[in-house]
Amino acid sequence: MEFKEVYCVNCKKVLGRYNVKYYHDDKIGELLNTAHSTHIRNGHQVNIRKFKKN
């Protein structure tokens, strides 16, 4: 299965892991603006990266 992780570089932790099959790029962008907005407002660097699980 293939996932996309939302990772905070400053906190060094994964904020969320979303299945590519159900969450497209637009939906992950919406989640960043709603669920993970506090990290962005605090000036943290948030990355989206691919994660593949066997």
C-alpha atoms as a PDB file:
ATOM      1  CA  MET A   1       0.000   0.000   0.000  1.00  0.00           C
ATOM      2  CA  GLU A   2       1.132   3.500  -0.702  1.00  0.00           C
ATOM      3  CA  PHE A   3       0.650   6.347   1.741  1.00  0.00           C
ATOM      4  CA  LYS A   4       1.488  10.023   1.945  1.00  0.00           C
ATOM      5  CA  GLU A   5       2.856  11.242   5.250  1.00  0.00           C
ATOM      6  CA  VAL A   6       2.524  14.735   6.617  1.00  0.00           C
ATOM      7  CA  TYR A   7       5.786  15.253   8.509  1.00  0.00           C
ATOM      8  CA  CYS A   8       6.797  18.187  10.721  1.00  0.00           C
ATOM      9  CA  VAL A   9      10.535  18.838  10.441  1.00  0.00           C
ATOM     10  CA  ASN A  10      10.688  20.981  13.583  1.00  0.00           C
ATOM     11  CA  CYS A  11       8.887  18.459  15.832  1.00  0.00           C
ATOM     12  CA  LYS A  12      10.450  15.484  14.028  1.00  0.00           C
ATOM     13  CA  LYS A  13       7.186  13.537  14.014  1.00  0.00           C
ATOM     14  CA  VAL A  14       4.568  12.292  11.591  1.00  0.00           C
ATOM     15  CA  LEU A  15       1.368  14.302  11.877  1.00  0.00           C
ATOM     16  CA  GLY A  16      -0.676  11.988   9.698  1.00  0.00           C
ATOM     17  CA  ARG A  17      -0.498   9.128   7.241  1.00  0.00           C
ATOM     18  CA  TYR A  18      -3.058   9.045   4.423  1.00  0.00           C
ATOM     19  CA  ASN A  19      -3.774   6.297   1.902  1.00  0.00           C
ATOM     20  CA  VAL A  20      -3.205   7.488  -1.679  1.00  0.00           C
ATOM     21  CA  LYS A  21      -6.175   5.455  -2.857  1.00  0.00           C
ATOM     22  CA  TYR A  22      -8.636   7.486  -0.750  1.00  0.00           C
ATOM     23  CA  TYR A  23      -6.836  10.799  -0.222  1.00  0.00           C
ATOM     24  CA  HIS A  24      -5.706  12.631  -3.348  1.00  0.00           C
ATOM     25  CA  ASP A  25      -3.399  15.651  -3.325  1.00  0.00           C
ATOM     26  CA  ASP A  26      -6.299  18.103  -3.112  1.00  0.00           C
ATOM     27  CA  LYS A  27      -7.777  16.353  -0.080  1.00  0.00           C
ATOM     28  CA  ILE A  28      -4.404  16.263   1.695  1.00  0.00           C
ATOM     29  CA  GLY A  29      -4.066  19.983   1.009  1.00  0.00           C
ATOM     30  CA  GLU A  30      -7.431  20.583   2.685  1.00  0.00           C
ATOM     31  CA  LEU A  31      -6.321  18.525   5.684  1.00  0.00           C
ATOM     32  CA  LEU A  32      -3.172  20.632   5.985  1.00  0.00           C
ATOM     33  CA  ASN A  33      -5.273  23.791   6.105  1.00  0.00           C
ATOM     34  CA  THR A  34      -7.667  22.426   8.733  1.00  0.00           C
ATOM     35  CA  ALA A  35      -6.180  19.698  10.929  1.00  0.00           C
ATOM     36  CA  HIS A  36      -2.490  20.639  10.810  1.00  0.00           C
ATOM     37  CA  SER A  37      -2.792  24.425  10.539  1.00  0.00           C
ATOM     38  CA  THR A  38      -1.387  25.061  14.029  1.00  0.00           C
ATOM     39  CA  HIS A  39       2.016  23.733  12.989  1.00  0.00           C
ATOM     40  CA  ILE A  40       2.042  25.946   9.911  1.00  0.00           C
ATOM     41  CA  ARG A  41       0.933  29.022  11.882  1.00  0.00           C
ATOM     42  CA  ASN A  42       3.720  28.454  14.398  1.00  0.00           C
ATOM     43  CA  GLY A  43       6.273  28.595  11.582  1.00  0.00           C
ATOM     44  CA  HIS A  44       7.032  24.888  11.445  1.00  0.00           C
ATOM     45  CA  GLN A  45       8.167  23.334   8.195  1.00  0.00           C
ATOM     46  CA  VAL A  46       5.667  20.679   7.113  1.00  0.00           C
ATOM     47  CA  ASN A  47       6.549  18.233   4.331  1.00  0.00           C
ATOM     48  CA  ILE A  48       4.460  15.724   2.433  1.00  0.00           C
ATOM     49  CA  ARG A  49       6.356  12.589   1.526  1.00  0.00           C
ATOM     50  CA  LYS A  50       5.502   9.189   0.066  1.00  0.00           C
ATOM     51  CA  PHE A  51       5.596   6.139   2.271  1.00  0.00           C
ATOM     52  CA  LYS A  52       5.270   2.596   0.933  1.00  0.00           C
ATOM     53  CA  LYS A  53       4.217  -0.250   3.205  1.00  0.00           C
ATOM     54  CA  ASN A  54       4.505  -3.858   2.106  1.00  0.00           C
END
